[in-house]
Amino acid sequence: MKGPLFYSKILLFGEHGINKGSKGLAIPYNFYNGGLRLTDTNTELAKKSNEKLKGFVAYLEEMQQEEPGLVTFDIESLNRNVEAGLYFDSSIPQGYGIGSSGALVAAIYDQYANDKITVLENLTREKLMQLKKIFSKMESYFHGTSSGLDPLNSYLSLPILINSHDNVEATGIPMQNLEGKGAVFLLDSGIVKETAPMVQIFMESLKDKGFRNMIKTQFLKYTDACIENFLHGDVKSLINNTKELSKVVFNNFKPMIPEGFHELWQKGIESNDYYLKLCGSGGGGYILGFTENIDKAKESLKGHKLEVVYQF
């Protein structure tokens, strides 16, 4: 058996804020992907992945008993295949904020869900919300809580615009300009992170009135503006608003920025060579960068690993 491939994703805007009413924009990132396999099951990677799957399958069994109206799986086939060594063969780095567990969730749903909603049908808002709900519940196994967006993005392999918690739509983004100097890039922090502790820090911070106020008046405002600018190809405004967002994150989300990158973060804001922001929940993994001039950014970030994901 060789299942279809599911891609990693990048949440360009909306990290942490989605649960507090900000918009969000996620795009598939085809450079990394993963699929279910039942071949070469004796490798170290296969054994490790297979072991993890056992716990996930037990969780899914429990989940469908608790909420049979939400989703049911062909648990018999799934268990049989897991016993035979089924694993998730993936190039998506784990703990990097680009949806490794999301791709796995999408793959399991695609292969084993009964009466699944398929990509080929007319994806109404109701169907998208139903998928998001199913994926949220499935992915909670890995993160404690999940919005369900990573698996949704991976499953559909389309850019997803989150208008609000209960209003999600597939969207189009401007064509890349491969000659363009402007770019969105990933910066490798070299640190594997866990999502749950970062979400915990954010939830704790929300108990503070000043922090809540900052989220409402600054963070949400600039996040929504950046999404608007990106979707309409307004590069000048996008760069300006990303700078403001980068400042807000630097001043208020310090525990989620790896310590070794504080100086680099500030350097970008002061030099205007690039602007950094969290990629997913923060704490390590990848950091997202935006620049008007990728050559300048590369020069400025010499010695660091950069991956261009989108050019404009």
C-alpha atoms as a PDB file:
ATOM      1  CA  MET A   1       0.000   0.000   0.000  1.00  0.00           C
ATOM      2  CA  LYS A   2       1.164   3.479  -0.866  1.00  0.00           C
ATOM      3  CA  GLY A   3      -1.293   6.224   0.085  1.00  0.00           C
ATOM      4  CA  PRO A   4      -1.521   9.675  -1.557  1.00  0.00           C
ATOM      5  CA  LEU A   5       0.789  12.470  -0.419  1.00  0.00           C
ATOM      6  CA  PHE A   6      -0.307  15.251   1.913  1.00  0.00           C
ATOM      7  CA  TYR A   7       1.611  18.505   2.089  1.00  0.00           C
ATOM      8  CA  SER A   8       2.919  20.621   4.910  1.00  0.00           C
ATOM      9  CA  LYS A   9       1.308  24.002   5.480  1.00  0.00           C
ATOM     10  CA  ILE A  10       2.355  27.486   6.486  1.00  0.00           C
ATOM     11  CA  LEU A  11       0.096  29.678   8.561  1.00  0.00           C
ATOM     12  CA  LEU A  12       1.144  33.029   7.114  1.00  0.00           C
ATOM     13  CA  PHE A  13      -0.973  35.043   9.525  1.00  0.00           C
ATOM     14  CA  GLY A  14      -3.189  34.345  12.505  1.00  0.00           C
ATOM     15  CA  GLU A  15      -1.010  32.346  14.929  1.00  0.00           C
ATOM     16  CA  HIS A  16      -2.592  32.345  18.394  1.00  0.00           C
ATOM     17  CA  GLY A  17      -5.028  35.086  17.303  1.00  0.00           C
ATOM     18  CA  ILE A  18      -7.445  32.786  15.457  1.00  0.00           C
ATOM     19  CA  ASN A  19      -8.870  31.532  18.735  1.00  0.00           C
ATOM     20  CA  LYS A  20      -9.394  35.140  19.775  1.00  0.00           C
ATOM     21  CA  GLY A  21     -11.239  36.262  16.653  1.00  0.00           C
ATOM     22  CA  SER A  22      -8.475  37.317  14.266  1.00  0.00           C
ATOM     23  CA  LYS A  23      -8.512  36.253  10.656  1.00  0.00           C
ATOM     24  CA  GLY A  24      -6.000  33.680   9.493  1.00  0.00           C
ATOM     25  CA  LEU A  25      -4.413  32.679   6.205  1.00  0.00           C
ATOM     26  CA  ALA A  26      -2.784  29.295   5.624  1.00  0.00           C
ATOM     27  CA  ILE A  27      -1.159  28.071   2.436  1.00  0.00           C
ATOM     28  CA  PRO A  28       0.009  24.565   1.449  1.00  0.00           C
ATOM     29  CA  TYR A  29       3.788  24.202   1.240  1.00  0.00           C
ATOM     30  CA  ASN A  30       4.550  21.440  -1.257  1.00  0.00           C
ATOM     31  CA  PHE A  31       8.251  21.235  -0.470  1.00  0.00           C
ATOM     32  CA  TYR A  32       7.505  18.834   2.407  1.00  0.00           C
ATOM     33  CA  ASN A  33       4.976  16.008   2.365  1.00  0.00           C
ATOM     34  CA  GLY A  34       4.017  12.648   3.812  1.00  0.00           C
ATOM     35  CA  GLY A  35       1.923   9.581   3.010  1.00  0.00           C
ATOM     36  CA  LEU A  36       0.826   6.319   4.631  1.00  0.00           C
ATOM     37  CA  ARG A  37       2.974   3.318   3.692  1.00  0.00           C
ATOM     38  CA  LEU A  38       2.929  -0.426   4.137  1.00  0.00           C
ATOM     39  CA  THR A  39       6.266  -1.053   2.425  1.00  0.00           C
ATOM     40  CA  ASP A  40       9.777  -1.036   3.974  1.00  0.00           C
ATOM     41  CA  THR A  41       8.207  -1.367   7.407  1.00  0.00           C
ATOM     42  CA  ASN A  42      11.437  -2.522   9.038  1.00  0.00           C
ATOM     43  CA  THR A  43      13.324   0.758   8.962  1.00  0.00           C
ATOM     44  CA  GLU A  44      13.902   2.679  12.189  1.00  0.00           C
ATOM     45  CA  LEU A  45      11.676   5.529  10.973  1.00  0.00           C
ATOM     46  CA  ALA A  46       8.850   3.116  10.125  1.00  0.00           C
ATOM     47  CA  LYS A  47       8.980   1.395  13.519  1.00  0.00           C
ATOM     48  CA  LYS A  48       8.968   4.690  15.408  1.00  0.00           C
ATOM     49  CA  SER A  49       6.068   6.066  13.363  1.00  0.00           C
ATOM     50  CA  ASN A  50       4.131   2.791  13.661  1.00  0.00           C
ATOM     51  CA  GLU A  51       4.508   2.894  17.448  1.00  0.00           C
ATOM     52  CA  LYS A  52       3.051   6.416  17.528  1.00  0.00           C
ATOM     53  CA  LEU A  53       0.166   5.358  15.294  1.00  0.00           C
ATOM     54  CA  LYS A  54      -0.906   2.707  17.805  1.00  0.00           C
ATOM     55  CA  GLY A  55      -1.676   5.363  20.404  1.00  0.00           C
ATOM     56  CA  PHE A  56      -3.479   7.494  17.839  1.00  0.00           C
ATOM     57  CA  VAL A  57      -5.670   4.594  16.701  1.00  0.00           C
ATOM     58  CA  ALA A  58      -6.689   3.870  20.307  1.00  0.00           C
ATOM     59  CA  TYR A  59      -7.629   7.558  20.619  1.00  0.00           C
ATOM     60  CA  LEU A  60      -9.704   7.444  17.409  1.00  0.00           C
ATOM     61  CA  GLU A  61     -11.570   4.368  18.656  1.00  0.00           C
ATOM     62  CA  GLU A  62     -12.461   6.212  21.843  1.00  0.00           C
ATOM     63  CA  MET A  63     -13.359   9.344  19.900  1.00  0.00           C
ATOM     64  CA  GLN A  64     -15.858   7.610  17.649  1.00  0.00           C
ATOM     65  CA  GLN A  65     -17.477   5.892  20.627  1.00  0.00           C
ATOM     66  CA  GLU A  66     -17.925   9.248  22.350  1.00  0.00           C
ATOM     67  CA  GLU A  67     -19.137  11.102  19.243  1.00  0.00           C
ATOM     68  CA  PRO A  68     -20.371   8.625  16.622  1.00  0.00           C
ATOM     69  CA  GLY A  69     -22.322  11.437  14.954  1.00  0.00           C
ATOM     70  CA  LEU A  70     -19.111  13.353  14.162  1.00  0.00           C
ATOM     71  CA  VAL A  71     -17.096  10.726  12.291  1.00  0.00           C
ATOM     72  CA  THR A  72     -16.516   6.955  12.247  1.00  0.00           C
ATOM     73  CA  PHE A  73     -13.560   5.024  10.867  1.00  0.00           C
ATOM     74  CA  ASP A  74     -12.943   1.605   9.439  1.00  0.00           C
ATOM     75  CA  ILE A  75     -11.144   0.762  12.677  1.00  0.00           C
ATOM     76  CA  GLU A  76     -10.840  -2.916  11.753  1.00  0.00           C
ATOM     77  CA  SER A  77      -8.783  -2.182   8.619  1.00  0.00           C
ATOM     78  CA  LEU A  78      -6.825   0.514  10.406  1.00  0.00           C
ATOM     79  CA  ASN A  79      -5.911  -1.815  13.289  1.00  0.00           C
ATOM     80  CA  ARG A  80      -5.032  -4.624  10.885  1.00  0.00           C
ATOM     81  CA  ASN A  81      -2.748  -2.346   8.867  1.00  0.00           C
ATOM     82  CA  VAL A  82      -1.100  -0.882  11.959  1.00  0.00           C
ATOM     83  CA  GLU A  83      -0.419  -4.445  13.173  1.00  0.00           C
ATOM     84  CA  ALA A  84       1.152  -5.119   9.750  1.00  0.00           C
ATOM     85  CA  GLY A  85       3.494  -2.147  10.229  1.00  0.00           C
ATOM     86  CA  LEU A  86       1.604   0.831   8.714  1.00  0.00           C
ATOM     87  CA  TYR A  87       3.532   4.075   9.184  1.00  0.00           C
ATOM     88  CA  PHE A  88       3.557   7.675   8.017  1.00  0.00           C
ATOM     89  CA  ASP A  89       6.472   8.252   5.660  1.00  0.00           C
ATOM     90  CA  SER A  90       7.085  11.968   5.948  1.00  0.00           C
ATOM     91  CA  SER A  91       9.692  14.574   5.037  1.00  0.00           C
ATOM     92  CA  ILE A  92       7.852  17.224   7.115  1.00  0.00           C
ATOM     93  CA  PRO A  93      10.081  18.181  10.058  1.00  0.00           C
ATOM     94  CA  GLN A  94       8.323  17.531  13.374  1.00  0.00           C
ATOM     95  CA  GLY A  95       8.031  20.308  15.922  1.00  0.00           C
ATOM     96  CA  TYR A  96       8.667  22.979  13.277  1.00  0.00           C
ATOM     97  CA  GLY A  97       5.235  24.569  13.024  1.00  0.00           C
ATOM     98  CA  ILE A  98       4.465  23.509   9.463  1.00  0.00           C
ATOM     99  CA  GLY A  99       1.870  20.843  10.110  1.00  0.00           C
ATOM    100  CA  SER A 100       3.516  17.417  10.448  1.00  0.00           C
ATOM    101  CA  SER A 101       0.640  16.088  12.583  1.00  0.00           C
ATOM    102  CA  GLY A 102      -1.875  17.863  10.316  1.00  0.00           C
ATOM    103  CA  ALA A 103      -0.673  15.910   7.286  1.00  0.00           C
ATOM    104  CA  LEU A 104      -0.903  12.629   9.216  1.00  0.00           C
ATOM    105  CA  VAL A 105      -4.463  13.421  10.369  1.00  0.00           C
ATOM    106  CA  ALA A 106      -5.457  14.240   6.762  1.00  0.00           C
ATOM    107  CA  ALA A 107      -3.943  10.983   5.511  1.00  0.00           C
ATOM    108  CA  ILE A 108      -5.748   8.834   8.122  1.00  0.00           C
ATOM    109  CA  TYR A 109      -9.072  10.560   7.457  1.00  0.00           C
ATOM    110  CA  ASP A 110      -8.632  10.168   3.697  1.00  0.00           C
ATOM    111  CA  GLN A 111      -7.833   6.469   3.926  1.00  0.00           C
ATOM    112  CA  TYR A 112     -10.033   5.241   6.781  1.00  0.00           C
ATOM    113  CA  ALA A 113     -12.980   7.589   7.456  1.00  0.00           C
ATOM    114  CA  ASN A 114     -16.440   6.263   6.609  1.00  0.00           C
ATOM    115  CA  ASP A 115     -18.682   8.565   4.497  1.00  0.00           C
ATOM    116  CA  LYS A 116     -15.826  11.040   4.139  1.00  0.00           C
ATOM    117  CA  ILE A 117     -16.237  14.500   2.654  1.00  0.00           C
ATOM    118  CA  THR A 118     -14.089  14.460  -0.466  1.00  0.00           C
ATOM    119  CA  VAL A 119     -12.120  17.205  -2.136  1.00  0.00           C
ATOM    120  CA  LEU A 120     -13.989  16.581  -5.384  1.00  0.00           C
ATOM    121  CA  GLU A 121     -17.454  17.531  -4.146  1.00  0.00           C
ATOM    122  CA  ASN A 122     -18.899  21.004  -3.860  1.00  0.00           C
ATOM    123  CA  LEU A 123     -17.209  22.226  -0.698  1.00  0.00           C
ATOM    124  CA  THR A 124     -19.901  24.348   0.923  1.00  0.00           C
ATOM    125  CA  ARG A 125     -19.134  26.346   4.051  1.00  0.00           C
ATOM    126  CA  GLU A 126     -21.049  23.709   6.077  1.00  0.00           C
ATOM    127  CA  LYS A 127     -18.842  20.917   4.713  1.00  0.00           C
ATOM    128  CA  LEU A 128     -15.662  22.886   5.400  1.00  0.00           C
ATOM    129  CA  MET A 129     -16.789  23.587   8.957  1.00  0.00           C
ATOM    130  CA  GLN A 130     -17.670  19.912   9.444  1.00  0.00           C
ATOM    131  CA  LEU A 131     -14.205  18.890   8.214  1.00  0.00           C
ATOM    132  CA  LYS A 132     -12.574  21.479  10.472  1.00  0.00           C
ATOM    133  CA  LYS A 133     -14.541  20.114  13.445  1.00  0.00           C
ATOM    134  CA  ILE A 134     -13.541  16.506  12.692  1.00  0.00           C
ATOM    135  CA  PHE A 135      -9.893  17.444  12.169  1.00  0.00           C
ATOM    136  CA  SER A 136      -9.843  19.585  15.313  1.00  0.00           C
ATOM    137  CA  LYS A 137     -10.993  16.609  17.371  1.00  0.00           C
ATOM    138  CA  MET A 138      -8.551  14.222  15.659  1.00  0.00           C
ATOM    139  CA  GLU A 139      -5.521  16.497  15.967  1.00  0.00           C
ATOM    140  CA  SER A 140      -6.227  17.273  19.626  1.00  0.00           C
ATOM    141  CA  TYR A 141      -4.525  13.943  20.309  1.00  0.00           C
ATOM    142  CA  PHE A 142      -1.196  15.551  19.372  1.00  0.00           C
ATOM    143  CA  HIS A 143      -1.555  19.093  20.737  1.00  0.00           C
ATOM    144  CA  GLY A 144      -4.069  19.036  23.585  1.00  0.00           C
ATOM    145  CA  THR A 145      -6.194  21.493  21.608  1.00  0.00           C
ATOM    146  CA  SER A 146      -6.289  22.090  17.862  1.00  0.00           C
ATOM    147  CA  SER A 147      -8.160  24.440  15.547  1.00  0.00           C
ATOM    148  CA  GLY A 148      -8.211  21.697  12.881  1.00  0.00           C
ATOM    149  CA  LEU A 149      -6.749  24.083  10.309  1.00  0.00           C
ATOM    150  CA  ASP A 150      -3.484  22.263   9.633  1.00  0.00           C
ATOM    151  CA  PRO A 151      -5.184  19.011   8.597  1.00  0.00           C
ATOM    152  CA  LEU A 152      -7.822  20.972   6.652  1.00  0.00           C
ATOM    153  CA  ASN A 153      -5.131  22.756   4.681  1.00  0.00           C
ATOM    154  CA  SER A 154      -3.233  19.550   4.078  1.00  0.00           C
ATOM    155  CA  TYR A 155      -6.372  17.606   3.090  1.00  0.00           C
ATOM    156  CA  LEU A 156      -7.637  20.187   0.604  1.00  0.00           C
ATOM    157  CA  SER A 157      -4.205  21.348  -0.552  1.00  0.00           C
ATOM    158  CA  LEU A 158      -5.663  24.821  -1.069  1.00  0.00           C
ATOM    159  CA  PRO A 159      -5.050  28.185   0.608  1.00  0.00           C
ATOM    160  CA  ILE A 160      -7.508  28.576   3.483  1.00  0.00           C
ATOM    161  CA  LEU A 161      -8.885  31.907   4.660  1.00  0.00           C
ATOM    162  CA  ILE A 162     -10.176  31.921   8.223  1.00  0.00           C
ATOM    163  CA  ASN A 163     -12.675  34.771   8.535  1.00  0.00           C
ATOM    164  CA  SER A 164     -13.642  33.782  12.056  1.00  0.00           C
ATOM    165  CA  HIS A 165     -13.797  30.734  14.280  1.00  0.00           C
ATOM    166  CA  ASP A 166     -16.871  29.433  12.468  1.00  0.00           C
ATOM    167  CA  ASN A 167     -16.351  30.878   9.001  1.00  0.00           C
ATOM    168  CA  VAL A 168     -13.663  29.265   6.878  1.00  0.00           C
ATOM    169  CA  GLU A 169     -13.296  29.280   3.092  1.00  0.00           C
ATOM    170  CA  ALA A 170     -10.922  28.020   0.427  1.00  0.00           C
ATOM    171  CA  THR A 171      -9.388  31.056  -1.252  1.00  0.00           C
ATOM    172  CA  GLY A 172      -7.113  32.092  -4.096  1.00  0.00           C
ATOM    173  CA  ILE A 173      -3.838  33.929  -3.563  1.00  0.00           C
ATOM    174  CA  PRO A 174      -1.994  36.103  -6.096  1.00  0.00           C
ATOM    175  CA  MET A 175       0.286  34.249  -8.509  1.00  0.00           C
ATOM    176  CA  GLN A 176       3.887  34.173  -7.400  1.00  0.00           C
ATOM    177  CA  ASN A 177       6.261  36.459  -9.231  1.00  0.00           C
ATOM    178  CA  LEU A 178       9.380  34.314  -9.517  1.00  0.00           C
ATOM    179  CA  GLU A 179      11.350  37.306 -10.778  1.00  0.00           C
ATOM    180  CA  GLY A 180      10.262  39.382  -7.779  1.00  0.00           C
ATOM    181  CA  LYS A 181      12.668  40.584  -5.080  1.00  0.00           C
ATOM    182  CA  GLY A 182      10.007  40.470  -2.374  1.00  0.00           C
ATOM    183  CA  ALA A 183       9.671  37.166  -0.527  1.00  0.00           C
ATOM    184  CA  VAL A 184       8.217  35.202   2.335  1.00  0.00           C
ATOM    185  CA  PHE A 185      10.843  32.874   3.775  1.00  0.00           C
ATOM    186  CA  LEU A 186      11.361  30.336   6.536  1.00  0.00           C
ATOM    187  CA  LEU A 187      14.227  30.785   8.973  1.00  0.00           C
ATOM    188  CA  ASP A 188      15.386  27.618  10.726  1.00  0.00           C
ATOM    189  CA  SER A 189      15.766  28.149  14.482  1.00  0.00           C
ATOM    190  CA  GLY A 190      17.348  24.710  14.876  1.00  0.00           C
ATOM    191  CA  ILE A 191      15.089  24.067  17.884  1.00  0.00           C
ATOM    192  CA  VAL A 192      12.396  21.385  17.935  1.00  0.00           C
ATOM    193  CA  LYS A 193       9.386  22.722  19.793  1.00  0.00           C
ATOM    194  CA  GLU A 194       6.157  21.518  21.308  1.00  0.00           C
ATOM    195  CA  THR A 195       2.910  23.301  20.548  1.00  0.00           C
ATOM    196  CA  ALA A 196       1.025  22.623  23.804  1.00  0.00           C
ATOM    197  CA  PRO A 197       3.356  24.645  26.139  1.00  0.00           C
ATOM    198  CA  MET A 198       3.215  27.652  23.765  1.00  0.00           C
ATOM    199  CA  VAL A 199      -0.591  27.545  23.707  1.00  0.00           C
ATOM    200  CA  GLN A 200      -0.485  27.326  27.509  1.00  0.00           C
ATOM    201  CA  ILE A 201       1.707  30.461  27.756  1.00  0.00           C
ATOM    202  CA  PHE A 202      -0.691  32.326  25.476  1.00  0.00           C
ATOM    203  CA  MET A 203      -3.755  31.252  27.494  1.00  0.00           C
ATOM    204  CA  GLU A 204      -2.059  32.297  30.743  1.00  0.00           C
ATOM    205  CA  SER A 205      -1.126  35.691  29.252  1.00  0.00           C
ATOM    206  CA  LEU A 206      -4.773  36.255  28.311  1.00  0.00           C
ATOM    207  CA  LYS A 207      -5.644  36.443  32.019  1.00  0.00           C
ATOM    208  CA  ASP A 208      -3.874  39.801  32.013  1.00  0.00           C
ATOM    209  CA  LYS A 209      -6.153  42.682  31.039  1.00  0.00           C
ATOM    210  CA  GLY A 210      -3.354  44.650  29.355  1.00  0.00           C
ATOM    211  CA  PHE A 211      -2.403  41.647  27.203  1.00  0.00           C
ATOM    212  CA  ARG A 212      -6.034  41.091  26.191  1.00  0.00           C
ATOM    213  CA  ASN A 213      -6.300  44.741  25.242  1.00  0.00           C
ATOM    214  CA  MET A 214      -3.103  44.553  23.157  1.00  0.00           C
ATOM    215  CA  ILE A 215      -4.480  41.512  21.295  1.00  0.00           C
ATOM    216  CA  LYS A 216      -7.694  43.366  20.495  1.00  0.00           C
ATOM    217  CA  THR A 217      -6.270  46.774  19.557  1.00  0.00           C
ATOM    218  CA  GLN A 218      -2.936  45.847  17.949  1.00  0.00           C
ATOM    219  CA  PHE A 219      -2.353  42.170  17.205  1.00  0.00           C
ATOM    220  CA  LEU A 220      -5.728  41.476  15.566  1.00  0.00           C
ATOM    221  CA  LYS A 221      -5.684  44.795  13.716  1.00  0.00           C
ATOM    222  CA  TYR A 222      -2.305  44.200  12.045  1.00  0.00           C
ATOM    223  CA  THR A 223      -2.975  40.495  11.401  1.00  0.00           C
ATOM    224  CA  ASP A 224      -6.215  41.293   9.566  1.00  0.00           C
ATOM    225  CA  ALA A 225      -4.554  44.124   7.630  1.00  0.00           C
ATOM    226  CA  CYS A 226      -1.674  41.854   6.517  1.00  0.00           C
ATOM    227  CA  ILE A 227      -4.118  39.217   5.239  1.00  0.00           C
ATOM    228  CA  GLU A 228      -6.091  41.850   3.349  1.00  0.00           C
ATOM    229  CA  ASN A 229      -2.872  43.229   1.798  1.00  0.00           C
ATOM    230  CA  PHE A 230      -1.531  39.781   0.894  1.00  0.00           C
ATOM    231  CA  LEU A 231      -4.741  38.620  -0.797  1.00  0.00           C
ATOM    232  CA  HIS A 232      -4.971  41.828  -2.829  1.00  0.00           C
ATOM    233  CA  GLY A 233      -1.289  41.857  -3.790  1.00  0.00           C
ATOM    234  CA  ASP A 234      -0.705  45.215  -2.068  1.00  0.00           C
ATOM    235  CA  VAL A 235       2.989  44.635  -1.361  1.00  0.00           C
ATOM    236  CA  LYS A 236       3.815  48.084   0.013  1.00  0.00           C
ATOM    237  CA  SER A 237       1.072  47.988   2.657  1.00  0.00           C
ATOM    238  CA  LEU A 238       1.848  44.327   3.398  1.00  0.00           C
ATOM    239  CA  ILE A 239       5.471  45.120   4.210  1.00  0.00           C
ATOM    240  CA  ASN A 240       4.475  48.117   6.393  1.00  0.00           C
ATOM    241  CA  ASN A 241       1.864  46.145   8.326  1.00  0.00           C
ATOM    242  CA  THR A 242       4.172  43.133   8.713  1.00  0.00           C
ATOM    243  CA  LYS A 243       6.732  45.465  10.303  1.00  0.00           C
ATOM    244  CA  GLU A 244       4.107  46.656  12.801  1.00  0.00           C
ATOM    245  CA  LEU A 245       3.058  43.060  13.493  1.00  0.00           C
ATOM    246  CA  SER A 246       6.693  42.056  13.997  1.00  0.00           C
ATOM    247  CA  LYS A 247       7.068  44.850  16.600  1.00  0.00           C
ATOM    248  CA  VAL A 248       3.889  43.832  18.432  1.00  0.00           C
ATOM    249  CA  VAL A 249       5.018  40.191  18.583  1.00  0.00           C
ATOM    250  CA  PHE A 250       8.521  41.161  19.725  1.00  0.00           C
ATOM    251  CA  ASN A 251       7.180  43.362  22.520  1.00  0.00           C
ATOM    252  CA  ASN A 252       4.459  41.017  23.746  1.00  0.00           C
ATOM    253  CA  PHE A 253       5.280  37.418  22.782  1.00  0.00           C
ATOM    254  CA  LYS A 254       8.916  37.209  23.952  1.00  0.00           C
ATOM    255  CA  PRO A 255       8.555  33.806  25.681  1.00  0.00           C
ATOM    256  CA  MET A 256       7.512  32.332  22.330  1.00  0.00           C
ATOM    257  CA  ILE A 257      10.533  33.696  20.459  1.00  0.00           C
ATOM    258  CA  PRO A 258      13.652  31.519  20.918  1.00  0.00           C
ATOM    259  CA  GLU A 259      16.129  33.525  22.972  1.00  0.00           C
ATOM    260  CA  GLY A 260      18.927  33.298  20.423  1.00  0.00           C
ATOM    261  CA  PHE A 261      16.703  35.117  17.914  1.00  0.00           C
ATOM    262  CA  HIS A 262      15.721  38.188  19.946  1.00  0.00           C
ATOM    263  CA  GLU A 263      18.627  40.195  18.581  1.00  0.00           C
ATOM    264  CA  LEU A 264      17.993  39.058  15.004  1.00  0.00           C
ATOM    265  CA  TRP A 265      14.312  39.963  15.332  1.00  0.00           C
ATOM    266  CA  GLN A 266      15.167  43.485  16.466  1.00  0.00           C
ATOM    267  CA  LYS A 267      17.854  43.860  13.808  1.00  0.00           C
ATOM    268  CA  GLY A 268      15.241  43.256  11.099  1.00  0.00           C
ATOM    269  CA  ILE A 269      12.900  45.916  12.473  1.00  0.00           C
ATOM    270  CA  GLU A 270      15.714  48.469  12.802  1.00  0.00           C
ATOM    271  CA  SER A 271      17.410  47.801   9.447  1.00  0.00           C
ATOM    272  CA  ASN A 272      14.187  47.204   7.439  1.00  0.00           C
ATOM    273  CA  ASP A 273      16.040  44.360   5.655  1.00  0.00           C
ATOM    274  CA  TYR A 274      13.423  41.827   6.786  1.00  0.00           C
ATOM    275  CA  TYR A 275      10.681  41.387   9.397  1.00  0.00           C
ATOM    276  CA  LEU A 276      10.197  38.235  11.441  1.00  0.00           C
ATOM    277  CA  LYS A 277       7.044  36.726  12.894  1.00  0.00           C
ATOM    278  CA  LEU A 278       5.987  33.482  14.547  1.00  0.00           C
ATOM    279  CA  CYS A 279       5.331  30.480  12.331  1.00  0.00           C
ATOM    280  CA  GLY A 280       2.589  28.580  14.120  1.00  0.00           C
ATOM    281  CA  SER A 281       2.739  28.661  17.910  1.00  0.00           C
ATOM    282  CA  GLY A 282       6.389  29.728  18.230  1.00  0.00           C
ATOM    283  CA  GLY A 283       8.945  28.403  20.720  1.00  0.00           C
ATOM    284  CA  GLY A 284      11.284  27.065  18.038  1.00  0.00           C
ATOM    285  CA  GLY A 285      10.919  25.313  14.709  1.00  0.00           C
ATOM    286  CA  TYR A 286      10.648  27.732  11.830  1.00  0.00           C
ATOM    287  CA  ILE A 287      10.331  31.495  12.100  1.00  0.00           C
ATOM    288  CA  LEU A 288       8.596  33.304   9.237  1.00  0.00           C
ATOM    289  CA  GLY A 289      10.287  36.193   7.484  1.00  0.00           C
ATOM    290  CA  PHE A 290       9.015  38.861   5.082  1.00  0.00           C
ATOM    291  CA  THR A 291      11.244  41.061   2.975  1.00  0.00           C
ATOM    292  CA  GLU A 292      11.085  43.520   0.088  1.00  0.00           C
ATOM    293  CA  ASN A 293      14.517  42.418  -1.022  1.00  0.00           C
ATOM    294  CA  ILE A 294      15.486  38.789  -0.547  1.00  0.00           C
ATOM    295  CA  ASP A 295      19.153  39.400  -1.451  1.00  0.00           C
ATOM    296  CA  LYS A 296      19.415  42.024   1.287  1.00  0.00           C
ATOM    297  CA  ALA A 297      17.703  39.693   3.760  1.00  0.00           C
ATOM    298  CA  LYS A 298      20.083  36.832   2.900  1.00  0.00           C
ATOM    299  CA  GLU A 299      23.066  39.130   3.336  1.00  0.00           C
ATOM    300  CA  SER A 300      21.713  40.399   6.649  1.00  0.00           C
ATOM    301  CA  LEU A 301      20.985  36.851   7.894  1.00  0.00           C
ATOM    302  CA  LYS A 302      24.272  35.343   6.738  1.00  0.00           C
ATOM    303  CA  GLY A 303      25.032  32.098   8.555  1.00  0.00           C
ATOM    304  CA  HIS A 304      21.357  31.252   8.972  1.00  0.00           C
ATOM    305  CA  LYS A 305      19.348  28.769   6.943  1.00  0.00           C
ATOM    306  CA  LEU A 306      16.712  30.474   4.771  1.00  0.00           C
ATOM    307  CA  GLU A 307      14.048  28.822   2.616  1.00  0.00           C
ATOM    308  CA  VAL A 308      12.029  30.997   0.236  1.00  0.00           C
ATOM    309  CA  VAL A 309       8.380  29.881   0.164  1.00  0.00           C
ATOM    310  CA  TYR A 310       6.693  32.635  -1.844  1.00  0.00           C
ATOM    311  CA  GLN A 311       7.928  35.464  -4.073  1.00  0.00           C
ATOM    312  CA  PHE A 312       6.230  38.707  -5.024  1.00  0.00           C
END
